[in-house]
Amino acid sequence: MEHDQESLPPSLVEQLTKFHEALNKVEDAANLFMSVPYSEHLKRDPLTKARCDLTTLFSVNSLYWMYLCTQGKNPKSDEELTNEINRTKKYMAKLKEFDDRKLRPSLNQRAANAFVRNAMFDLHADSSGSSGTNLEQLPPQSLKELNREWLEEEENYESNQNNVSQEESMDESFTAENSQESQNDT
């Protein structure tokens, strides 16, 4: 074998050495992975099973990629392999997104309720500085009634504002008509 290596260009020998090392690493990982019986694999939780299946799929695609390279073909021109690798990457991204959900902050329900409860106020509270209705003592039905009253008052306010603006526009048009009539009379 020494004689063969001397007849090859050094860059090719380096590439073949790296390829051989990478192939040994893949083989070691595959042996470790394949040492688990399939019946044990089926007993894993769904997330672990998905990780293992995606790892297997990506490994097979990578091995086929390497095979095409050894045959002197361009793996990027193999449309089926490219589609399969893209599909695998898409599923890996979904798995990563699922893993990231665990890291997201969760809503503290108790704190959120406290914020909402303390943000609510009684519209009919006197201006003497009292806090108005104690919402903790009200039954849920009373809270719904308070909310309904507030919405009705808001609607009444908006409709009153609309009426005022309509009256103002009518007054302006009436004033404009009267000024025109008085100019015509003169």
Protein backbone atom coordinates (compact mmCIF):
# COMPACT_ATOMS: atom_id res chain seq x y z
CA MET A 1 0.00 0.00 0.00
CA GLU A 2 2.95 2.33 0.61
CA HIS A 3 3.91 2.01 -3.01
CA ASP A 4 0.36 3.00 -4.12
CA GLN A 5 0.31 6.09 -1.91
CA GLU A 6 3.58 7.34 -3.38
CA SER A 7 2.18 7.20 -6.91
CA LEU A 8 -0.89 9.31 -5.98
CA PRO A 9 -0.82 13.11 -5.70
CA PRO A 10 -0.51 14.30 -2.04
CA SER A 11 -3.78 16.28 -2.18
CA LEU A 12 -5.68 13.15 -3.22
CA VAL A 13 -4.03 11.09 -0.48
CA GLU A 14 -5.08 13.73 2.06
CA GLN A 15 -8.68 13.71 0.81
CA LEU A 16 -8.82 9.90 0.87
CA THR A 17 -7.42 9.85 4.41
CA LYS A 18 -10.07 12.34 5.59
CA PHE A 19 -12.75 10.34 3.81
CA HIS A 20 -11.56 7.12 5.47
CA GLU A 21 -11.58 8.77 8.92
CA ALA A 22 -15.06 10.19 8.37
CA LEU A 23 -16.31 6.81 7.17
CA ASN A 24 -14.90 5.14 10.32
CA LYS A 25 -16.68 7.71 12.50
CA VAL A 26 -19.96 7.09 10.68
CA GLU A 27 -19.49 3.34 11.04
CA ASP A 28 -18.82 3.66 14.80
CA ALA A 29 -21.90 5.85 15.26
CA ALA A 30 -24.04 3.47 13.20
CA ASN A 31 -22.82 0.47 15.23
CA LEU A 32 -23.67 2.27 18.45
CA PHE A 33 -27.07 3.19 17.11
CA MET A 34 -27.77 -0.28 15.69
CA SER A 35 -26.84 -1.98 18.97
CA VAL A 36 -30.28 -1.03 20.35
CA PRO A 37 -32.88 -3.67 19.39
CA TYR A 38 -35.88 -2.44 17.43
CA SER A 39 -38.26 -3.60 20.18
CA GLU A 40 -36.40 -1.27 22.60
CA HIS A 41 -36.60 1.54 20.06
CA LEU A 42 -40.38 1.18 19.93
CA LYS A 43 -40.56 1.60 23.72
CA ARG A 44 -38.95 5.05 23.58
CA ASP A 45 -41.01 8.18 24.01
CA PRO A 46 -42.20 9.76 20.74
CA LEU A 47 -39.74 12.65 20.84
CA THR A 48 -36.73 10.38 21.28
CA LYS A 49 -38.05 8.06 18.59
CA ALA A 50 -38.40 10.99 16.19
CA ARG A 51 -34.84 12.12 16.93
CA CYS A 52 -33.50 8.61 16.29
CA ASP A 53 -35.48 8.18 13.09
CA LEU A 54 -34.35 11.56 11.76
CA THR A 55 -30.74 10.74 12.63
CA THR A 56 -31.04 7.46 10.74
CA LEU A 57 -32.63 9.16 7.75
CA PHE A 58 -29.98 11.87 7.64
CA SER A 59 -27.21 9.28 7.99
CA VAL A 60 -28.53 7.20 5.11
CA ASN A 61 -28.82 10.32 2.94
CA SER A 62 -25.27 11.33 3.86
CA LEU A 63 -23.94 7.85 3.05
CA TYR A 64 -25.65 7.95 -0.33
CA TRP A 65 -24.16 11.41 -0.89
CA MET A 66 -20.71 9.99 -0.16
CA TYR A 67 -21.39 7.02 -2.44
CA LEU A 68 -22.24 9.35 -5.33
CA CYS A 69 -19.02 11.28 -4.66
CA THR A 70 -16.98 8.06 -4.83
CA GLN A 71 -18.60 7.24 -8.17
CA GLY A 72 -17.51 10.59 -9.57
CA LYS A 73 -21.05 11.96 -9.78
CA ASN A 74 -22.23 15.32 -8.53
CA PRO A 75 -24.68 14.64 -5.67
CA LYS A 76 -26.23 18.09 -6.08
CA SER A 77 -27.49 17.11 -9.52
CA ASP A 78 -29.44 14.15 -8.06
CA GLU A 79 -32.86 15.73 -7.64
CA GLU A 80 -34.32 12.89 -5.55
CA LEU A 81 -31.47 13.05 -3.05
CA THR A 82 -31.70 16.84 -2.83
CA ASN A 83 -35.45 16.65 -2.22
CA GLU A 84 -34.96 13.97 0.44
CA ILE A 85 -32.29 16.00 2.22
CA ASN A 86 -34.51 19.11 2.14
CA ARG A 87 -37.43 17.09 3.52
CA THR A 88 -35.20 15.77 6.30
CA LYS A 89 -34.02 19.28 7.13
CA LYS A 90 -37.63 20.46 7.26
CA TYR A 91 -38.50 17.73 9.77
CA MET A 92 -35.38 18.53 11.79
CA ALA A 93 -36.48 22.17 11.96
CA LYS A 94 -39.93 21.06 13.18
CA LEU A 95 -38.30 18.91 15.85
CA LYS A 96 -36.09 21.81 16.91
CA GLU A 97 -39.15 24.08 17.09
CA PHE A 98 -40.86 21.50 19.30
CA ASP A 99 -37.78 21.36 21.55
CA ASP A 100 -37.70 25.16 21.72
CA ARG A 101 -41.27 25.23 23.03
CA LYS A 102 -40.00 23.77 26.29
CA LEU A 103 -37.60 26.69 26.63
CA ARG A 104 -40.23 29.37 26.10
CA PRO A 105 -41.44 31.20 29.17
CA SER A 106 -44.79 29.98 30.40
CA LEU A 107 -47.67 32.13 31.57
CA ASN A 108 -48.04 32.41 35.31
CA GLN A 109 -51.82 32.22 35.49
CA ARG A 110 -52.01 33.54 39.03
CA ALA A 111 -49.87 36.59 38.27
CA ALA A 112 -51.82 37.33 35.08
CA ASN A 113 -55.11 37.20 36.98
CA ALA A 114 -53.69 39.55 39.61
CA PHE A 115 -52.65 42.05 36.92
CA VAL A 116 -56.09 41.98 35.33
CA ARG A 117 -57.87 42.17 38.67
CA ASN A 118 -55.80 45.15 39.83
CA ALA A 119 -56.15 46.94 36.50
CA MET A 120 -59.95 46.92 36.67
CA PHE A 121 -61.70 49.85 38.33
CA ASP A 122 -65.23 50.97 39.10
CA LEU A 123 -66.44 53.67 36.72
CA HIS A 124 -68.92 54.95 39.32
CA ALA A 125 -66.33 55.23 42.11
CA ASP A 126 -66.37 58.55 43.92
CA SER A 127 -63.41 60.86 43.53
CA SER A 128 -62.54 60.71 47.25
CA GLY A 129 -59.75 58.28 46.51
CA SER A 130 -61.54 55.04 47.37
CA SER A 131 -60.70 52.15 45.16
CA GLY A 132 -64.31 51.45 44.28
CA THR A 133 -65.65 47.90 44.13
CA ASN A 134 -63.56 45.11 45.62
CA LEU A 135 -63.50 42.70 42.68
CA GLU A 136 -62.31 39.74 44.76
CA GLN A 137 -65.60 39.79 46.71
CA LEU A 138 -67.80 39.85 43.64
CA PRO A 139 -69.13 36.62 42.16
CA PRO A 140 -68.21 35.96 38.52
CA GLN A 141 -71.69 36.99 37.37
CA SER A 142 -71.21 40.45 38.92
CA LEU A 143 -67.90 40.84 37.08
CA LYS A 144 -69.68 40.09 33.83
CA GLU A 145 -72.34 42.69 34.68
CA LEU A 146 -69.67 45.29 35.48
CA ASN A 147 -67.98 44.57 32.17
CA ARG A 148 -71.31 44.81 30.33
CA GLU A 149 -72.09 48.16 32.05
CA TRP A 150 -68.69 49.49 31.12
CA LEU A 151 -69.17 48.48 27.49
CA GLU A 152 -72.64 50.10 27.42
CA GLU A 153 -71.27 53.33 28.89
CA GLU A 154 -68.49 53.33 26.32
CA GLU A 155 -71.01 52.82 23.49
CA ASN A 156 -73.23 55.60 24.89
CA TYR A 157 -70.25 57.92 25.08
CA GLU A 158 -69.27 57.17 21.49
CA SER A 159 -72.83 57.65 20.22
CA ASN A 160 -73.09 60.94 22.14
CA GLN A 161 -69.83 62.07 20.56
CA ASN A 162 -71.21 61.18 17.13
CA ASN A 163 -74.44 63.10 17.85
CA VAL A 164 -72.49 66.15 19.04
CA SER A 165 -70.33 66.15 15.91
CA GLN A 166 -73.43 65.78 13.70
CA GLU A 167 -75.12 68.69 15.51
CA GLU A 168 -72.00 70.81 15.10
CA SER A 169 -71.87 70.07 11.37
CA MET A 170 -75.60 70.92 11.07
CA ASP A 171 -75.04 74.18 12.97
CA GLU A 172 -72.16 75.06 10.66
CA SER A 173 -74.22 74.35 7.55
CA PHE A 174 -77.20 76.32 8.98
CA THR A 175 -74.92 79.25 9.79
CA ALA A 176 -73.44 79.13 6.30
CA GLU A 177 -76.93 79.10 4.72
CA ASN A 178 -78.08 82.02 6.87
CA SER A 179 -75.04 84.08 5.96
CA GLN A 180 -75.65 83.43 2.28
CA GLU A 181 -79.32 84.42 2.62
CA SER A 182 -78.42 87.63 4.44
CA GLN A 183 -75.93 88.51 1.71
CA ASN A 184 -78.55 87.83 -0.95
CA ASP A 185 -81.09 90.04 0.83
CA THR A 186 -78.74 93.00 0.71
